[in-house]
Amino acid sequence: MELTGKRVFNLARLRQTPREIEITLGLPPYRIHETYHRELMSGYLEAESVSPANDSDSDKQEKTDARRRFYYEANREKIRERKRRYYETHKEEYQERKRRYRERRKNQGVLKIGN
């Protein structure tokens, strides 16, 4: 087994998704399925035989959170730019909401006059 195939096997054994493995190893999309499918499936099979997928709800939540963090890290700049453009196009709405919030807080006596 060549070096990249071995790395694919090890990452699959750690239950990473094929896309996560491709990003980690710097492979083009779908290359893992075309070239390293046997190593990928062998890694998943070994991971299943070592520890069955009897994940509790907390484990599933942790995996979901990890995938979200992974997506966010991989697409941080795109997300930041998208948020910036949205804010620019809806600036007046944000300012109005902020004004109403401050007015409510001021009427409740929570917000000091200087703020």
Protein backbone atom coordinates (compact mmCIF):
# COMPACT_ATOMS: atom_id res chain seq x y z
CA MET A 1 0.00 0.00 0.00
CA GLU A 2 1.48 3.32 -1.01
CA LEU A 3 1.94 6.20 1.42
CA THR A 4 -1.20 8.16 0.41
CA GLY A 5 -3.28 4.98 0.46
CA LYS A 6 -2.03 4.25 3.97
CA ARG A 7 -2.91 7.77 5.09
CA VAL A 8 -6.40 7.44 3.57
CA PHE A 9 -6.81 4.14 5.42
CA ASN A 10 -5.71 5.66 8.74
CA LEU A 11 -7.97 8.71 8.40
CA ALA A 12 -10.92 6.51 7.44
CA ARG A 13 -10.18 4.37 10.48
CA LEU A 14 -10.58 7.56 12.53
CA ARG A 15 -14.05 7.92 10.93
CA GLN A 16 -13.37 11.05 8.92
CA THR A 17 -15.63 11.69 5.97
CA PRO A 18 -14.20 11.31 2.46
CA ARG A 19 -14.36 15.09 1.93
CA GLU A 20 -12.50 15.74 5.18
CA ILE A 21 -9.82 13.26 4.10
CA GLU A 22 -9.51 14.93 0.69
CA ILE A 23 -9.07 18.34 2.29
CA THR A 24 -6.57 17.01 4.83
CA LEU A 25 -4.45 15.32 2.17
CA GLY A 26 -4.92 18.06 -0.43
CA LEU A 27 -6.58 15.77 -2.97
CA PRO A 28 -8.94 17.07 -5.66
CA PRO A 29 -12.66 16.36 -5.15
CA TYR A 30 -13.78 12.75 -5.70
CA ARG A 31 -10.19 11.54 -6.21
CA ILE A 32 -10.49 9.46 -3.07
CA HIS A 33 -13.43 7.53 -4.54
CA GLU A 34 -11.71 7.03 -7.89
CA THR A 35 -8.26 6.05 -6.66
CA TYR A 36 -8.38 5.07 -2.98
CA HIS A 37 -11.83 3.51 -2.62
CA ARG A 38 -10.51 0.16 -1.36
CA GLU A 39 -8.36 1.80 1.33
CA LEU A 40 -11.24 4.06 2.35
CA MET A 41 -13.68 1.18 2.77
CA SER A 42 -11.08 -0.96 4.57
CA GLY A 43 -10.49 1.85 7.05
CA TYR A 44 -14.21 2.27 7.71
CA LEU A 45 -14.61 -1.49 8.11
CA GLU A 46 -11.79 -1.68 10.65
CA ALA A 47 -13.17 1.30 12.57
CA GLU A 48 -16.55 -0.43 12.72
CA SER A 49 -15.04 -3.71 13.91
CA VAL A 50 -12.98 -2.04 16.64
CA SER A 51 -15.75 0.12 18.06
CA PRO A 52 -19.30 -0.34 16.81
CA ALA A 53 -21.33 2.72 16.00
CA ASN A 54 -23.44 2.67 19.17
CA ASP A 55 -23.13 6.41 19.55
CA SER A 56 -25.16 8.11 22.20
CA ASP A 57 -26.94 11.38 21.52
CA SER A 58 -24.10 13.36 23.06
CA ASP A 59 -21.58 11.63 20.78
CA LYS A 60 -23.71 12.43 17.75
CA GLN A 61 -23.98 16.05 18.89
CA GLU A 62 -20.21 16.26 19.33
CA LYS A 63 -19.66 14.89 15.81
CA THR A 64 -22.17 17.36 14.39
CA ASP A 65 -20.46 20.22 16.22
CA ALA A 66 -17.06 19.06 14.96
CA ARG A 67 -18.33 18.96 11.37
CA ARG A 68 -19.79 22.44 11.72
CA ARG A 69 -16.52 23.77 13.12
CA PHE A 70 -14.64 22.05 10.29
CA TYR A 71 -16.96 23.62 7.69
CA TYR A 72 -16.66 27.03 9.32
CA GLU A 73 -12.87 26.86 9.42
CA ALA A 74 -12.69 25.73 5.80
CA ASN A 75 -15.04 28.49 4.62
CA ARG A 76 -14.30 31.28 7.11
CA GLU A 77 -13.50 33.99 4.57
CA LYS A 78 -16.53 33.22 2.40
CA ILE A 79 -18.83 33.32 5.42
CA ARG A 80 -17.31 36.57 6.67
CA GLU A 81 -17.72 38.22 3.26
CA ARG A 82 -21.32 36.98 2.97
CA LYS A 83 -22.17 38.42 6.40
CA ARG A 84 -20.51 41.73 5.54
CA ARG A 85 -22.49 42.08 2.30
CA TYR A 86 -25.73 41.19 4.07
CA TYR A 87 -25.06 43.78 6.76
CA GLU A 88 -24.32 46.44 4.15
CA THR A 89 -27.58 45.81 2.31
CA HIS A 90 -29.65 45.72 5.53
CA LYS A 91 -27.83 48.42 7.47
CA GLU A 92 -30.92 50.53 8.15
CA GLU A 93 -32.80 47.57 9.60
CA TYR A 94 -29.92 46.80 11.97
CA GLN A 95 -29.74 50.42 13.09
CA GLU A 96 -33.49 50.53 13.69
CA ARG A 97 -33.40 47.33 15.74
CA LYS A 98 -30.47 48.68 17.75
CA ARG A 99 -32.32 51.95 18.41
CA ARG A 100 -35.46 50.11 19.57
CA TYR A 101 -33.40 47.83 21.82
CA ARG A 102 -31.64 50.78 23.45
CA GLU A 103 -34.97 52.58 23.89
CA ARG A 104 -36.48 49.54 25.62
CA ARG A 105 -33.46 49.15 27.89
CA LYS A 106 -33.55 52.85 28.72
CA ASN A 107 -37.26 52.66 29.63
CA GLN A 108 -36.58 49.67 31.88
CA GLY A 109 -33.92 51.66 33.71
CA VAL A 110 -31.17 49.22 32.79
CA LEU A 111 -29.34 51.45 30.34
CA LYS A 112 -27.61 54.51 31.69
CA ILE A 113 -28.22 57.86 30.05
CA GLY A 114 -24.66 58.21 28.76
CA ASN A 115 -24.84 54.98 26.70
